[in-house]
Amino acid sequence: MPRSATTTAALVAAAAQAVALQAQKALARALADAKRGLPLRTIEAFARAHRNEAIGALDIGNVHVGAATCWGRHDATAFEGPPLRRDKGHFGDLVAALKAEWQPRQVRGVVIGYPLLLNGQEGEQCLRTLKFLRTLLNPTHGLGIASVVLLDERLSTQDVKETLHGAGMKADAMRAHGLDHLVARELLLQYLAQAREHYHTGSNG
């Protein structure tokens, strides 16, 4: 390859790398801004704060939201019916459904499925989840959520799909029977498994 062509290719590669780096920095700033002010907790802190309370879980997608509730340290129940819609025209119905299920049980802590990339890094989907969460937890909506824990959801959806597929359920049927709610329930079960040692520690101290 002529020297001029090699130089041009190197310049193009360097420019692309610079653009990618700027995009990463911009995303990091946006993620930090989105998290600022949210009641985020570690699993340890969340488990100790809510060990004697009912807790909820949300699987937040681009269109639908799945929800589940846990009344004890081992029981987790998915919402019944089709998934909740998160778009503007249905947002009021979403908030009303969560209130109807959670407020009588005094749910104040919620596990949120966090859609990390396959390499474990935060991406644009994480940013969208955080932005929606900020809107949902706005005090004007009256949900009364005191703390939130973000839980890696990379395996939750796949685990539920494989289980249902193994039972002979097709994709359309999964959606109709509340796949999103079942994923939220799986998130709760995963949280309970991770938090069990902290529940035990809290009960002794």
N, C-alpha and C. Protein backbone atom coordinates (compact mmCIF):
# COMPACT_ATOMS: atom_id res chain seq x y z
N MET A 1 0.85 -1.19 0.00
CA MET A 1 0.00 0.00 0.00
C MET A 1 0.89 1.25 0.00
N PRO A 2 0.61 2.24 -0.89
CA PRO A 2 1.40 3.47 -0.91
C PRO A 2 1.36 4.16 0.44
N ARG A 3 2.46 4.94 0.72
CA ARG A 3 2.55 5.61 2.02
C ARG A 3 1.39 6.56 2.25
N SER A 4 0.95 7.27 1.19
CA SER A 4 -0.16 8.22 1.33
C SER A 4 -1.44 7.52 1.75
N ALA A 5 -1.68 6.34 1.16
CA ALA A 5 -2.88 5.57 1.49
C ALA A 5 -2.81 5.07 2.93
N THR A 6 -1.61 4.64 3.35
CA THR A 6 -1.44 4.17 4.73
C THR A 6 -1.67 5.29 5.72
N THR A 7 -1.15 6.46 5.39
CA THR A 7 -1.33 7.64 6.26
C THR A 7 -2.81 8.00 6.36
N THR A 8 -3.51 7.98 5.25
CA THR A 8 -4.93 8.31 5.24
C THR A 8 -5.73 7.33 6.07
N ALA A 9 -5.42 6.04 5.93
CA ALA A 9 -6.13 5.01 6.69
C ALA A 9 -5.89 5.19 8.18
N ALA A 10 -4.64 5.55 8.54
CA ALA A 10 -4.31 5.76 9.95
C ALA A 10 -5.06 6.96 10.50
N LEU A 11 -5.16 8.02 9.70
CA LEU A 11 -5.89 9.21 10.14
C LEU A 11 -7.37 8.93 10.32
N VAL A 12 -7.93 8.14 9.40
CA VAL A 12 -9.35 7.79 9.50
C VAL A 12 -9.60 6.94 10.75
N ALA A 13 -8.71 5.99 11.00
CA ALA A 13 -8.85 5.13 12.18
C ALA A 13 -8.74 5.95 13.46
N ALA A 14 -7.79 6.89 13.49
CA ALA A 14 -7.61 7.74 14.66
C ALA A 14 -8.84 8.63 14.88
N ALA A 15 -9.39 9.15 13.80
CA ALA A 15 -10.58 9.99 13.92
C ALA A 15 -11.78 9.19 14.44
N ALA A 16 -11.92 7.96 13.93
CA ALA A 16 -13.02 7.11 14.38
C ALA A 16 -12.87 6.78 15.85
N GLN A 17 -11.63 6.52 16.27
CA GLN A 17 -11.37 6.21 17.67
C GLN A 17 -11.69 7.40 18.56
N ALA A 18 -11.36 8.60 18.09
CA ALA A 18 -11.63 9.82 18.85
C ALA A 18 -13.14 10.04 18.99
N VAL A 19 -13.87 9.79 17.90
CA VAL A 19 -15.33 9.95 17.94
C VAL A 19 -15.94 8.95 18.91
N ALA A 20 -15.48 7.70 18.87
CA ALA A 20 -15.99 6.67 19.77
C ALA A 20 -15.71 7.03 21.23
N LEU A 21 -14.51 7.58 21.49
CA LEU A 21 -14.15 7.97 22.85
C LEU A 21 -15.04 9.11 23.35
N GLN A 22 -15.30 10.06 22.48
CA GLN A 22 -16.19 11.17 22.85
C GLN A 22 -17.60 10.67 23.14
N ALA A 23 -18.06 9.70 22.34
CA ALA A 23 -19.39 9.13 22.56
C ALA A 23 -19.45 8.41 23.90
N GLN A 24 -18.38 7.67 24.25
CA GLN A 24 -18.33 6.98 25.54
C GLN A 24 -18.37 7.97 26.70
N LYS A 25 -17.63 9.07 26.57
CA LYS A 25 -17.62 10.09 27.62
C LYS A 25 -18.98 10.75 27.76
N ALA A 26 -19.63 11.01 26.63
CA ALA A 26 -20.96 11.63 26.66
C ALA A 26 -21.97 10.70 27.33
N LEU A 27 -21.89 9.40 27.02
CA LEU A 27 -22.78 8.43 27.64
C LEU A 27 -22.53 8.35 29.13
N ALA A 28 -21.25 8.35 29.54
CA ALA A 28 -20.92 8.28 30.96
C ALA A 28 -21.49 9.49 31.71
N ARG A 29 -21.40 10.67 31.10
CA ARG A 29 -21.96 11.88 31.72
C ARG A 29 -23.48 11.78 31.82
N ALA A 30 -24.10 11.29 30.77
CA ALA A 30 -25.56 11.16 30.76
C ALA A 30 -26.03 10.16 31.80
N LEU A 31 -25.31 9.05 31.95
CA LEU A 31 -25.66 8.05 32.95
C LEU A 31 -25.53 8.63 34.37
N ALA A 32 -24.45 9.37 34.59
CA ALA A 32 -24.25 9.99 35.91
C ALA A 32 -25.37 10.98 36.22
N ASP A 33 -25.76 11.77 35.22
CA ASP A 33 -26.85 12.73 35.41
C ASP A 33 -28.17 12.02 35.70
N ALA A 34 -28.41 10.90 34.98
CA ALA A 34 -29.66 10.17 35.15
C ALA A 34 -29.76 9.52 36.53
N LYS A 35 -28.61 9.10 37.07
CA LYS A 35 -28.60 8.45 38.38
C LYS A 35 -28.70 9.45 39.52
N ARG A 36 -28.28 10.69 39.26
CA ARG A 36 -28.21 11.69 40.32
C ARG A 36 -29.60 11.93 40.92
N GLY A 37 -29.70 11.76 42.22
CA GLY A 37 -30.97 12.01 42.90
C GLY A 37 -31.87 10.80 43.01
N LEU A 38 -31.58 9.73 42.26
CA LEU A 38 -32.38 8.51 42.39
C LEU A 38 -32.00 7.78 43.68
N PRO A 39 -32.96 7.15 44.34
CA PRO A 39 -32.68 6.46 45.61
C PRO A 39 -32.03 5.10 45.40
N LEU A 40 -30.86 5.07 44.74
CA LEU A 40 -30.19 3.82 44.41
C LEU A 40 -29.45 3.28 45.63
N ARG A 41 -29.53 1.96 45.83
CA ARG A 41 -28.89 1.32 46.96
C ARG A 41 -28.13 0.08 46.49
N THR A 42 -27.15 -0.32 47.24
CA THR A 42 -26.49 -1.60 46.99
C THR A 42 -27.44 -2.72 47.45
N ILE A 43 -27.18 -3.94 47.01
CA ILE A 43 -28.01 -5.06 47.45
C ILE A 43 -27.96 -5.20 48.97
N GLU A 44 -26.76 -5.01 49.55
CA GLU A 44 -26.62 -5.14 51.00
C GLU A 44 -27.50 -4.13 51.73
N ALA A 45 -27.40 -2.86 51.32
CA ALA A 45 -28.17 -1.81 51.99
C ALA A 45 -29.67 -2.00 51.76
N PHE A 46 -30.03 -2.38 50.54
CA PHE A 46 -31.44 -2.59 50.21
C PHE A 46 -32.02 -3.74 51.02
N ALA A 47 -31.28 -4.84 51.12
CA ALA A 47 -31.76 -6.01 51.83
C ALA A 47 -31.99 -5.71 53.31
N ARG A 48 -31.06 -4.97 53.89
CA ARG A 48 -31.20 -4.65 55.31
C ARG A 48 -32.33 -3.67 55.56
N ALA A 49 -32.54 -2.75 54.64
CA ALA A 49 -33.58 -1.74 54.82
C ALA A 49 -34.98 -2.33 54.67
N HIS A 50 -35.11 -3.37 53.83
CA HIS A 50 -36.45 -3.88 53.50
C HIS A 50 -36.63 -5.35 53.88
N ARG A 51 -35.84 -5.85 54.81
CA ARG A 51 -35.89 -7.28 55.12
C ARG A 51 -37.22 -7.70 55.73
N ASN A 52 -37.97 -6.78 56.31
CA ASN A 52 -39.26 -7.13 56.91
C ASN A 52 -40.43 -6.52 56.16
N GLU A 53 -40.20 -6.18 54.90
CA GLU A 53 -41.23 -5.51 54.11
C GLU A 53 -41.50 -6.26 52.81
N ALA A 54 -42.65 -5.98 52.23
CA ALA A 54 -42.92 -6.43 50.87
C ALA A 54 -42.09 -5.57 49.93
N ILE A 55 -41.61 -6.16 48.84
CA ILE A 55 -40.86 -5.42 47.84
C ILE A 55 -41.42 -5.72 46.45
N GLY A 56 -41.13 -4.84 45.51
CA GLY A 56 -41.60 -5.02 44.15
C GLY A 56 -40.44 -5.16 43.19
N ALA A 57 -40.75 -5.48 41.94
CA ALA A 57 -39.74 -5.57 40.89
C ALA A 57 -40.35 -5.10 39.58
N LEU A 58 -39.52 -4.48 38.76
CA LEU A 58 -39.96 -4.02 37.44
C LEU A 58 -38.97 -4.45 36.37
N ASP A 59 -39.51 -5.00 35.29
CA ASP A 59 -38.74 -5.28 34.08
C ASP A 59 -39.16 -4.23 33.06
N ILE A 60 -38.31 -3.22 32.84
CA ILE A 60 -38.67 -2.07 32.02
C ILE A 60 -38.15 -2.26 30.59
N GLY A 61 -39.07 -2.45 29.66
CA GLY A 61 -38.70 -2.58 28.26
C GLY A 61 -38.96 -1.28 27.52
N ASN A 62 -38.73 -1.29 26.21
CA ASN A 62 -38.97 -0.09 25.41
C ASN A 62 -40.45 0.19 25.24
N VAL A 63 -41.28 -0.84 25.31
CA VAL A 63 -42.73 -0.68 25.11
C VAL A 63 -43.51 -1.11 26.33
N HIS A 64 -43.13 -2.24 26.93
CA HIS A 64 -43.88 -2.82 28.04
C HIS A 64 -43.09 -2.81 29.34
N VAL A 65 -43.82 -2.92 30.43
CA VAL A 65 -43.22 -3.03 31.75
C VAL A 65 -43.83 -4.24 32.45
N GLY A 66 -42.97 -5.13 32.93
CA GLY A 66 -43.42 -6.27 33.72
C GLY A 66 -43.26 -5.95 35.19
N ALA A 67 -44.14 -6.48 36.03
CA ALA A 67 -44.09 -6.17 37.45
C ALA A 67 -44.35 -7.43 38.28
N ALA A 68 -43.78 -7.43 39.47
CA ALA A 68 -43.96 -8.54 40.40
C ALA A 68 -43.87 -8.01 41.82
N THR A 69 -44.34 -8.83 42.76
CA THR A 69 -44.33 -8.45 44.18
C THR A 69 -43.86 -9.63 45.01
N CYS A 70 -43.14 -9.33 46.06
CA CYS A 70 -42.69 -10.34 47.00
C CYS A 70 -43.22 -9.98 48.38
N TRP A 71 -43.98 -10.91 48.98
CA TRP A 71 -44.57 -10.65 50.30
C TRP A 71 -43.68 -11.16 51.44
N GLY A 72 -42.72 -11.97 51.12
CA GLY A 72 -41.83 -12.51 52.14
C GLY A 72 -40.47 -12.71 51.55
N ARG A 73 -39.63 -13.42 52.24
CA ARG A 73 -38.27 -13.59 51.76
C ARG A 73 -38.13 -14.68 50.71
N HIS A 74 -39.19 -15.43 50.47
CA HIS A 74 -39.07 -16.53 49.52
C HIS A 74 -40.20 -16.54 48.48
N ASP A 75 -41.27 -15.78 48.70
CA ASP A 75 -42.42 -15.80 47.81
C ASP A 75 -42.36 -14.61 46.85
N ALA A 76 -42.51 -14.88 45.57
CA ALA A 76 -42.54 -13.83 44.56
C ALA A 76 -43.67 -14.14 43.59
N THR A 77 -44.53 -13.16 43.35
CA THR A 77 -45.70 -13.37 42.50
C THR A 77 -45.71 -12.34 41.36
N ALA A 78 -45.87 -12.82 40.12
CA ALA A 78 -45.95 -11.93 38.97
C ALA A 78 -47.34 -11.30 38.91
N PHE A 79 -47.40 -10.08 38.38
CA PHE A 79 -48.69 -9.46 38.11
C PHE A 79 -49.44 -10.35 37.13
N GLU A 80 -50.75 -10.33 37.19
CA GLU A 80 -51.56 -11.10 36.26
C GLU A 80 -51.95 -10.24 35.06
N GLY A 81 -52.27 -10.91 33.95
CA GLY A 81 -52.74 -10.19 32.78
C GLY A 81 -51.62 -9.77 31.85
N PRO A 82 -51.95 -9.02 30.79
CA PRO A 82 -50.94 -8.59 29.82
C PRO A 82 -49.96 -7.60 30.44
N PRO A 83 -48.80 -7.43 29.81
CA PRO A 83 -47.82 -6.48 30.34
C PRO A 83 -48.37 -5.06 30.34
N LEU A 84 -47.83 -4.24 31.21
CA LEU A 84 -48.24 -2.84 31.30
C LEU A 84 -47.55 -2.03 30.21
N ARG A 85 -48.27 -1.08 29.64
CA ARG A 85 -47.69 -0.21 28.62
C ARG A 85 -47.02 0.99 29.27
N ARG A 86 -45.89 1.43 28.72
CA ARG A 86 -45.16 2.54 29.32
C ARG A 86 -45.24 3.83 28.52
N ASP A 87 -45.89 3.81 27.34
CA ASP A 87 -45.97 5.01 26.53
C ASP A 87 -46.88 6.06 27.19
N LYS A 88 -46.79 7.28 26.72
CA LYS A 88 -47.47 8.41 27.35
C LYS A 88 -48.96 8.18 27.50
N GLY A 89 -49.60 7.58 26.50
CA GLY A 89 -51.04 7.38 26.55
C GLY A 89 -51.48 6.37 27.60
N HIS A 90 -50.56 5.52 28.06
CA HIS A 90 -50.90 4.48 29.04
C HIS A 90 -50.16 4.66 30.36
N PHE A 91 -49.39 5.73 30.49
CA PHE A 91 -48.57 5.90 31.68
C PHE A 91 -49.42 5.99 32.95
N GLY A 92 -50.55 6.68 32.85
CA GLY A 92 -51.45 6.79 34.00
C GLY A 92 -51.97 5.43 34.44
N ASP A 93 -52.27 4.57 33.47
CA ASP A 93 -52.74 3.22 33.80
C ASP A 93 -51.64 2.41 34.47
N LEU A 94 -50.40 2.61 34.02
CA LEU A 94 -49.25 1.92 34.62
C LEU A 94 -49.11 2.31 36.08
N VAL A 95 -49.12 3.60 36.36
CA VAL A 95 -48.98 4.08 37.74
C VAL A 95 -50.13 3.57 38.60
N ALA A 96 -51.35 3.60 38.05
CA ALA A 96 -52.52 3.14 38.80
C ALA A 96 -52.41 1.66 39.14
N ALA A 97 -51.92 0.85 38.19
CA ALA A 97 -51.78 -0.59 38.43
C ALA A 97 -50.75 -0.86 39.52
N LEU A 98 -49.65 -0.13 39.49
CA LEU A 98 -48.62 -0.31 40.52
C LEU A 98 -49.12 0.12 41.89
N LYS A 99 -49.84 1.21 41.93
CA LYS A 99 -50.40 1.67 43.20
C LYS A 99 -51.38 0.64 43.77
N ALA A 100 -52.24 0.12 42.90
CA ALA A 100 -53.26 -0.83 43.35
C ALA A 100 -52.63 -2.08 43.94
N GLU A 101 -51.51 -2.50 43.39
CA GLU A 101 -50.86 -3.73 43.84
C GLU A 101 -49.92 -3.48 45.03
N TRP A 102 -49.20 -2.38 44.98
CA TRP A 102 -48.13 -2.16 45.95
C TRP A 102 -48.52 -1.37 47.19
N GLN A 103 -49.38 -0.38 47.04
CA GLN A 103 -49.66 0.47 48.20
C GLN A 103 -50.36 -0.27 49.34
N PRO A 104 -51.32 -1.17 49.07
CA PRO A 104 -51.92 -1.91 50.19
C PRO A 104 -50.90 -2.76 50.96
N ARG A 105 -49.82 -3.13 50.29
CA ARG A 105 -48.78 -3.95 50.92
C ARG A 105 -47.60 -3.12 51.39
N GLN A 106 -47.73 -1.80 51.23
CA GLN A 106 -46.70 -0.86 51.69
C GLN A 106 -45.33 -1.15 51.09
N VAL A 107 -45.33 -1.40 49.79
CA VAL A 107 -44.07 -1.61 49.08
C VAL A 107 -43.32 -0.29 48.98
N ARG A 108 -42.10 -0.27 49.50
CA ARG A 108 -41.28 0.94 49.47
C ARG A 108 -39.94 0.70 48.80
N GLY A 109 -39.62 -0.54 48.53
CA GLY A 109 -38.38 -0.87 47.85
C GLY A 109 -38.66 -1.65 46.58
N VAL A 110 -37.94 -1.33 45.50
CA VAL A 110 -38.20 -1.96 44.20
C VAL A 110 -36.89 -2.40 43.55
N VAL A 111 -36.90 -3.64 43.05
CA VAL A 111 -35.78 -4.19 42.28
C VAL A 111 -36.02 -3.86 40.81
N ILE A 112 -35.04 -3.27 40.16
CA ILE A 112 -35.17 -2.87 38.76
C ILE A 112 -34.22 -3.69 37.90
N GLY A 113 -34.76 -4.31 36.86
CA GLY A 113 -33.91 -5.02 35.91
C GLY A 113 -33.05 -4.02 35.15
N TYR A 114 -31.73 -4.20 35.20
CA TYR A 114 -30.81 -3.25 34.56
C TYR A 114 -30.18 -3.92 33.35
N PRO A 115 -30.49 -3.42 32.14
CA PRO A 115 -30.08 -4.09 30.89
C PRO A 115 -28.64 -3.81 30.48
N LEU A 116 -27.69 -4.38 31.21
CA LEU A 116 -26.28 -4.22 30.86
C LEU A 116 -25.98 -4.88 29.52
N LEU A 117 -24.93 -4.41 28.87
CA LEU A 117 -24.48 -5.04 27.64
C LEU A 117 -23.88 -6.41 27.95
N LEU A 118 -23.67 -7.21 26.92
CA LEU A 118 -23.13 -8.56 27.13
C LEU A 118 -21.75 -8.53 27.79
N ASN A 119 -21.02 -7.43 27.60
CA ASN A 119 -19.69 -7.32 28.22
C ASN A 119 -19.77 -6.77 29.64
N GLY A 120 -20.99 -6.56 30.15
CA GLY A 120 -21.16 -6.08 31.51
C GLY A 120 -21.13 -4.58 31.67
N GLN A 121 -20.97 -3.85 30.55
CA GLN A 121 -20.91 -2.39 30.60
C GLN A 121 -22.29 -1.78 30.45
N GLU A 122 -22.43 -0.53 30.88
CA GLU A 122 -23.69 0.20 30.70
C GLU A 122 -23.75 0.78 29.29
N GLY A 123 -24.93 0.70 28.68
CA GLY A 123 -25.12 1.23 27.34
C GLY A 123 -26.34 2.15 27.27
N GLU A 124 -26.76 2.43 26.06
CA GLU A 124 -27.89 3.33 25.85
C GLU A 124 -29.18 2.80 26.47
N GLN A 125 -29.37 1.47 26.48
CA GLN A 125 -30.57 0.91 27.06
C GLN A 125 -30.62 1.17 28.57
N CYS A 126 -29.46 1.14 29.22
CA CYS A 126 -29.40 1.47 30.65
C CYS A 126 -29.84 2.92 30.86
N LEU A 127 -29.38 3.80 29.99
CA LEU A 127 -29.75 5.21 30.10
C LEU A 127 -31.25 5.39 29.95
N ARG A 128 -31.85 4.69 28.99
CA ARG A 128 -33.31 4.80 28.80
C ARG A 128 -34.06 4.28 30.02
N THR A 129 -33.55 3.20 30.60
CA THR A 129 -34.18 2.64 31.81
C THR A 129 -34.12 3.64 32.96
N LEU A 130 -32.98 4.27 33.16
CA LEU A 130 -32.81 5.23 34.24
C LEU A 130 -33.72 6.45 34.05
N LYS A 131 -33.82 6.91 32.82
CA LYS A 131 -34.66 8.08 32.54
C LYS A 131 -36.13 7.76 32.82
N PHE A 132 -36.58 6.57 32.41
CA PHE A 132 -37.96 6.19 32.68
C PHE A 132 -38.18 6.02 34.18
N LEU A 133 -37.21 5.44 34.86
CA LEU A 133 -37.31 5.26 36.31
C LEU A 133 -37.43 6.60 37.02
N ARG A 134 -36.67 7.58 36.58
CA ARG A 134 -36.74 8.91 37.17
C ARG A 134 -38.15 9.50 37.01
N THR A 135 -38.72 9.31 35.82
CA THR A 135 -40.08 9.80 35.59
C THR A 135 -41.09 9.07 36.48
N LEU A 136 -40.95 7.75 36.56
CA LEU A 136 -41.89 6.93 37.33
C LEU A 136 -41.86 7.29 38.81
N LEU A 137 -40.66 7.57 39.35
CA LEU A 137 -40.51 7.82 40.77
C LEU A 137 -40.72 9.27 41.15
N ASN A 138 -41.09 10.10 40.20
CA ASN A 138 -41.40 11.49 40.52
C ASN A 138 -42.46 11.53 41.64
N PRO A 139 -42.21 12.27 42.72
CA PRO A 139 -43.14 12.30 43.86
C PRO A 139 -44.58 12.64 43.49
N THR A 140 -44.77 13.37 42.39
CA THR A 140 -46.13 13.74 42.00
C THR A 140 -46.98 12.53 41.64
N HIS A 141 -46.35 11.40 41.33
CA HIS A 141 -47.11 10.19 40.98
C HIS A 141 -47.51 9.38 42.22
N GLY A 142 -46.93 9.70 43.36
CA GLY A 142 -47.38 9.13 44.62
C GLY A 142 -47.12 7.66 44.85
N LEU A 143 -46.09 7.09 44.23
CA LEU A 143 -45.80 5.67 44.46
C LEU A 143 -45.15 5.43 45.83
N GLY A 144 -44.46 6.42 46.34
CA GLY A 144 -43.88 6.30 47.66
C GLY A 144 -42.71 5.34 47.76
N ILE A 145 -41.94 5.19 46.67
CA ILE A 145 -40.79 4.29 46.68
C ILE A 145 -39.60 4.98 47.34
N ALA A 146 -39.04 4.33 48.37
CA ALA A 146 -37.95 4.93 49.14
C ALA A 146 -36.58 4.53 48.64
N SER A 147 -36.45 3.33 48.05
CA SER A 147 -35.13 2.89 47.58
C SER A 147 -35.27 1.90 46.43
N VAL A 148 -34.21 1.86 45.63
CA VAL A 148 -34.18 1.04 44.43
C VAL A 148 -32.84 0.33 44.34
N VAL A 149 -32.86 -0.91 43.87
CA VAL A 149 -31.61 -1.62 43.59
C VAL A 149 -31.64 -2.06 42.13
N LEU A 150 -30.55 -1.81 41.41
CA LEU A 150 -30.43 -2.21 40.00
C LEU A 150 -29.82 -3.60 39.94
N LEU A 151 -30.51 -4.51 39.25
CA LEU A 151 -30.06 -5.90 39.18
C LEU A 151 -29.82 -6.30 37.73
N ASP A 152 -28.65 -6.82 37.46
CA ASP A 152 -28.30 -7.27 36.11
C ASP A 152 -29.37 -8.22 35.59
N GLU A 153 -29.99 -7.86 34.48
CA GLU A 153 -31.09 -8.68 33.96
C GLU A 153 -30.71 -9.47 32.71
N ARG A 154 -29.43 -9.54 32.40
CA ARG A 154 -29.03 -10.18 31.14
C ARG A 154 -29.52 -11.61 31.02
N LEU A 155 -29.57 -12.34 32.12
CA LEU A 155 -29.96 -13.74 32.06
C LEU A 155 -31.43 -13.97 32.40
N SER A 156 -32.08 -12.98 33.01
CA SER A 156 -33.45 -13.18 33.50
C SER A 156 -34.42 -13.51 32.37
N THR A 157 -34.43 -12.66 31.33
CA THR A 157 -35.36 -12.88 30.22
C THR A 157 -35.09 -14.20 29.53
N GLN A 158 -33.80 -14.51 29.30
CA GLN A 158 -33.46 -15.75 28.61
C GLN A 158 -33.86 -16.96 29.44
N ASP A 159 -33.67 -16.89 30.75
CA ASP A 159 -34.05 -18.01 31.62
C ASP A 159 -35.54 -18.28 31.53
N VAL A 160 -36.35 -17.21 31.58
CA VAL A 160 -37.81 -17.37 31.52
C VAL A 160 -38.23 -17.90 30.16
N LYS A 161 -37.67 -17.36 29.10
CA LYS A 161 -38.03 -17.81 27.75
C LYS A 161 -37.70 -19.29 27.56
N GLU A 162 -36.53 -19.71 28.02
CA GLU A 162 -36.14 -21.11 27.86
C GLU A 162 -37.07 -22.03 28.65
N THR A 163 -37.48 -21.59 29.83
CA THR A 163 -38.39 -22.39 30.64
C THR A 163 -39.74 -22.55 29.95
N LEU A 164 -40.28 -21.43 29.45
CA LEU A 164 -41.59 -21.47 28.79
C LEU A 164 -41.51 -22.21 27.46
N HIS A 165 -40.41 -22.01 26.73
CA HIS A 165 -40.26 -22.71 25.45
C HIS A 165 -40.18 -24.21 25.70
N GLY A 166 -39.49 -24.59 26.77
CA GLY A 166 -39.41 -26.00 27.11
C GLY A 166 -40.75 -26.60 27.45
N ALA A 167 -41.68 -25.73 27.88
CA ALA A 167 -43.03 -26.19 28.20
C ALA A 167 -43.94 -26.15 26.98
N GLY A 168 -43.36 -25.79 25.81
CA GLY A 168 -44.13 -25.79 24.57
C GLY A 168 -44.82 -24.49 24.24
N MET A 169 -44.47 -23.39 24.90
CA MET A 169 -45.15 -22.12 24.65
C MET A 169 -44.41 -21.33 23.58
N LYS A 170 -45.15 -20.84 22.58
CA LYS A 170 -44.59 -20.04 21.50
C LYS A 170 -44.41 -18.59 21.95
N ALA A 171 -43.64 -17.82 21.16
CA ALA A 171 -43.31 -16.45 21.52
C ALA A 171 -44.55 -15.57 21.70
N ASP A 172 -45.52 -15.68 20.76
CA ASP A 172 -46.73 -14.86 20.87
C ASP A 172 -47.51 -15.20 22.14
N ALA A 173 -47.55 -16.47 22.46
CA ALA A 173 -48.26 -16.90 23.66
C ALA A 173 -47.54 -16.42 24.92
N MET A 174 -46.21 -16.39 24.87
CA MET A 174 -45.45 -15.89 26.00
C MET A 174 -45.84 -14.44 26.30
N ARG A 175 -45.89 -13.63 25.24
CA ARG A 175 -46.23 -12.23 25.41
C ARG A 175 -47.65 -12.09 25.93
N ALA A 176 -48.57 -12.86 25.38
CA ALA A 176 -49.97 -12.77 25.79
C ALA A 176 -50.17 -13.19 27.24
N HIS A 177 -49.36 -14.11 27.71
CA HIS A 177 -49.48 -14.60 29.08
C HIS A 177 -48.59 -13.86 30.07
N GLY A 178 -48.07 -12.70 29.64
CA GLY A 178 -47.34 -11.86 30.58
C GLY A 178 -45.89 -12.22 30.78
N LEU A 179 -45.15 -12.42 29.67
CA LEU A 179 -43.73 -12.74 29.77
C LEU A 179 -43.00 -11.69 30.61
N ASP A 180 -43.33 -10.41 30.40
CA ASP A 180 -42.64 -9.34 31.10
C ASP A 180 -42.84 -9.46 32.61
N HIS A 181 -44.04 -9.84 33.04
CA HIS A 181 -44.30 -10.01 34.47
C HIS A 181 -43.50 -11.18 35.03
N LEU A 182 -43.37 -12.24 34.23
CA LEU A 182 -42.62 -13.41 34.68
C LEU A 182 -41.13 -13.09 34.79
N VAL A 183 -40.64 -12.22 33.90
CA VAL A 183 -39.25 -11.78 34.00
C VAL A 183 -39.05 -10.97 35.27
N ALA A 184 -40.02 -10.10 35.60
CA ALA A 184 -39.93 -9.33 36.84
C ALA A 184 -39.91 -10.26 38.05
N ARG A 185 -40.70 -11.32 37.99
CA ARG A 185 -40.69 -12.31 39.08
C ARG A 185 -39.32 -12.99 39.18
N GLU A 186 -38.74 -13.31 38.03
CA GLU A 186 -37.41 -13.93 38.02
C GLU A 186 -36.38 -12.98 38.64
N LEU A 187 -36.51 -11.69 38.37
CA LEU A 187 -35.62 -10.70 38.98
C LEU A 187 -35.73 -10.74 40.50
N LEU A 188 -36.95 -10.84 41.00
CA LEU A 188 -37.14 -10.92 42.44
C LEU A 188 -36.49 -12.17 43.02
N LEU A 189 -36.66 -13.30 42.34
CA LEU A 189 -36.07 -14.54 42.82
C LEU A 189 -34.54 -14.45 42.84
N GLN A 190 -33.97 -13.82 41.81
CA GLN A 190 -32.52 -13.65 41.78
C GLN A 190 -32.06 -12.72 42.89
N TYR A 191 -32.83 -11.65 43.10
CA TYR A 191 -32.49 -10.74 44.19
C TYR A 191 -32.52 -11.46 45.54
N LEU A 192 -33.58 -12.23 45.78
CA LEU A 192 -33.71 -12.94 47.05
C LEU A 192 -32.55 -13.90 47.28
N ALA A 193 -32.12 -14.56 46.20
CA ALA A 193 -30.99 -15.48 46.32
C ALA A 193 -29.71 -14.74 46.71
N GLN A 194 -29.50 -13.56 46.12
CA GLN A 194 -28.30 -12.79 46.42
C GLN A 194 -28.36 -12.13 47.79
N ALA A 195 -29.57 -11.78 48.22
CA ALA A 195 -29.73 -11.04 49.47
C ALA A 195 -29.89 -11.93 50.69
N ARG A 196 -30.04 -13.23 50.49
CA ARG A 196 -30.35 -14.12 51.61
C ARG A 196 -29.33 -14.00 52.74
N GLU A 197 -28.04 -13.93 52.40
CA GLU A 197 -27.03 -13.83 53.45
C GLU A 197 -27.13 -12.51 54.20
N HIS A 198 -27.61 -11.48 53.52
CA HIS A 198 -27.73 -10.18 54.19
C HIS A 198 -28.96 -10.15 55.08
N TYR A 199 -30.03 -10.84 54.67
CA TYR A 199 -31.18 -11.00 55.54
C TYR A 199 -30.74 -11.69 56.83
N HIS A 200 -29.95 -12.75 56.65
CA HIS A 200 -29.51 -13.53 57.82
C HIS A 200 -28.65 -12.67 58.75
N THR A 201 -27.75 -11.89 58.15
CA THR A 201 -26.90 -11.03 58.95
C THR A 201 -27.72 -10.00 59.69
N GLY A 202 -28.73 -9.42 58.97
CA GLY A 202 -29.56 -8.41 59.60
C GLY A 202 -30.38 -8.96 60.75
N SER A 203 -30.83 -10.21 60.62
CA SER A 203 -31.67 -10.80 61.67
C SER A 203 -30.87 -11.08 62.92
N ASN A 204 -29.51 -11.17 62.76
CA ASN A 204 -28.67 -11.43 63.92
C ASN A 204 -28.10 -10.16 64.53
N GLY A 205 -28.33 -9.06 63.86
CA GLY A 205 -27.73 -7.84 64.36
C GLY A 205 -28.65 -6.69 64.32
